[in-house]
């Protein structure tokens, strides 16, 4: 098991970085020019970051970044 000890400011910064990364991935996943194989890798990365984000964030924030199971 690996743990992290963060103060309040570091926690806010960590949440900010995760949010920005998820927003960028969501933008890329909506792009029609990106190939399906690349999108599947991006979706996998998004799910990993989302699960990490949900460990720290409020439930309302988690729902905001929840993606549906649609595949393009």
C-alpha atoms as a PDB file:
ATOM      1  CA  UNK A   1       0.000   0.000   0.000  1.00  0.00           C
ATOM      2  CA  UNK A   2       1.243   3.465  -0.875  1.00  0.00           C
ATOM      3  CA  UNK A   3       0.041   6.565   0.942  1.00  0.00           C
ATOM      4  CA  UNK A   4       0.365  10.305   0.540  1.00  0.00           C
ATOM      5  CA  UNK A   5       0.408  12.967   3.201  1.00  0.00           C
ATOM      6  CA  UNK A   6      -0.866  16.294   1.843  1.00  0.00           C
ATOM      7  CA  UNK A   7      -1.735  19.557   3.512  1.00  0.00           C
ATOM      8  CA  UNK A   8      -4.846  21.475   2.418  1.00  0.00           C
ATOM      9  CA  UNK A   9      -3.030  23.635  -0.150  1.00  0.00           C
ATOM     10  CA  UNK A  10      -1.309  20.640  -1.726  1.00  0.00           C
ATOM     11  CA  UNK A  11      -4.625  18.801  -1.879  1.00  0.00           C
ATOM     12  CA  UNK A  12      -6.224  21.736  -3.712  1.00  0.00           C
ATOM     13  CA  UNK A  13      -3.306  21.878  -6.145  1.00  0.00           C
ATOM     14  CA  UNK A  14      -3.512  18.123  -6.755  1.00  0.00           C
ATOM     15  CA  UNK A  15      -7.261  18.339  -7.431  1.00  0.00           C
ATOM     16  CA  UNK A  16      -6.647  21.246  -9.817  1.00  0.00           C
ATOM     17  CA  UNK A  17      -4.052  19.286 -11.803  1.00  0.00           C
ATOM     18  CA  UNK A  18      -6.321  16.241 -12.025  1.00  0.00           C
ATOM     19  CA  UNK A  19      -9.285  18.376 -13.149  1.00  0.00           C
ATOM     20  CA  UNK A  20      -7.243  20.047 -15.878  1.00  0.00           C
ATOM     21  CA  UNK A  21      -5.943  16.703 -17.109  1.00  0.00           C
ATOM     22  CA  UNK A  22      -9.467  15.241 -17.224  1.00  0.00           C
ATOM     23  CA  UNK A  23     -10.790  18.300 -19.078  1.00  0.00           C
ATOM     24  CA  UNK A  24      -8.031  17.968 -21.657  1.00  0.00           C
ATOM     25  CA  UNK A  25      -8.733  14.262 -22.077  1.00  0.00           C
ATOM     26  CA  UNK A  26     -12.482  14.904 -22.431  1.00  0.00           C
ATOM     27  CA  UNK A  27     -11.742  17.457 -25.153  1.00  0.00           C
ATOM     28  CA  UNK A  28      -9.510  14.964 -26.989  1.00  0.00           C
ATOM     29  CA  UNK A  29     -12.099  12.192 -26.670  1.00  0.00           C
ATOM     30  CA  UNK A  30     -14.707  14.397 -28.363  1.00  0.00           C
ATOM     31  CA  UNK A  31     -12.393  15.136 -31.312  1.00  0.00           C
ATOM     32  CA  UNK A  32     -13.580  13.250 -34.405  1.00  0.00           C
ATOM     33  CA  UNK A  33     -10.119  13.327 -36.035  1.00  0.00           C
ATOM     34  CA  UNK A  34      -8.540  11.068 -33.417  1.00  0.00           C
ATOM     35  CA  UNK A  35      -8.340   7.371 -34.308  1.00  0.00           C
ATOM     36  CA  UNK A  36     -10.330   4.780 -32.345  1.00  0.00           C
ATOM     37  CA  UNK A  37      -7.251   3.023 -30.965  1.00  0.00           C
ATOM     38  CA  UNK A  38      -5.908   6.294 -29.598  1.00  0.00           C
ATOM     39  CA  UNK A  39      -9.319   7.101 -28.124  1.00  0.00           C
ATOM     40  CA  UNK A  40      -9.392   3.769 -26.299  1.00  0.00           C
ATOM     41  CA  UNK A  41      -6.006   4.564 -24.729  1.00  0.00           C
ATOM     42  CA  UNK A  42      -7.210   8.052 -23.804  1.00  0.00           C
ATOM     43  CA  UNK A  43     -10.358   6.553 -22.260  1.00  0.00           C
ATOM     44  CA  UNK A  44      -8.267   4.140 -20.189  1.00  0.00           C
ATOM     45  CA  UNK A  45      -6.070   7.005 -18.987  1.00  0.00           C
ATOM     46  CA  UNK A  46      -9.158   9.066 -18.174  1.00  0.00           C
ATOM     47  CA  UNK A  47     -10.605   6.263 -16.043  1.00  0.00           C
ATOM     48  CA  UNK A  48      -7.375   5.933 -14.049  1.00  0.00           C
ATOM     49  CA  UNK A  49      -7.202   9.677 -13.391  1.00  0.00           C
ATOM     50  CA  UNK A  50     -10.920   9.804 -12.568  1.00  0.00           C
ATOM     51  CA  UNK A  51     -10.612   7.034  -9.960  1.00  0.00           C
ATOM     52  CA  UNK A  52      -7.668   8.854  -8.388  1.00  0.00           C
ATOM     53  CA  UNK A  53      -9.620  12.134  -8.433  1.00  0.00           C
ATOM     54  CA  UNK A  54     -12.614  10.527  -6.706  1.00  0.00           C
ATOM     55  CA  UNK A  55     -10.440   9.555  -3.750  1.00  0.00           C
ATOM     56  CA  UNK A  56      -9.921  13.248  -2.948  1.00  0.00           C
ATOM     57  CA  UNK A  57     -12.825  15.189  -4.411  1.00  0.00           C
ATOM     58  CA  UNK A  58     -16.344  15.882  -3.225  1.00  0.00           C
ATOM     59  CA  UNK A  59     -19.091  13.659  -4.675  1.00  0.00           C
ATOM     60  CA  UNK A  60     -20.565  16.593  -6.617  1.00  0.00           C
ATOM     61  CA  UNK A  61     -17.223  17.136  -8.352  1.00  0.00           C
ATOM     62  CA  UNK A  62     -16.964  13.423  -9.128  1.00  0.00           C
ATOM     63  CA  UNK A  63     -20.381  13.462 -10.795  1.00  0.00           C
ATOM     64  CA  UNK A  64     -19.340  16.444 -12.898  1.00  0.00           C
ATOM     65  CA  UNK A  65     -16.467  14.495 -14.454  1.00  0.00           C
ATOM     66  CA  UNK A  66     -18.275  11.158 -14.772  1.00  0.00           C
ATOM     67  CA  UNK A  67     -18.312   9.956 -18.388  1.00  0.00           C
ATOM     68  CA  UNK A  68     -20.975   7.788 -19.934  1.00  0.00           C
ATOM     69  CA  UNK A  69     -20.034   4.408 -21.386  1.00  0.00           C
ATOM     70  CA  UNK A  70     -20.395   5.572 -25.014  1.00  0.00           C
ATOM     71  CA  UNK A  71     -17.748   4.429 -27.480  1.00  0.00           C
ATOM     72  CA  UNK A  72     -16.956   6.338 -30.676  1.00  0.00           C
END
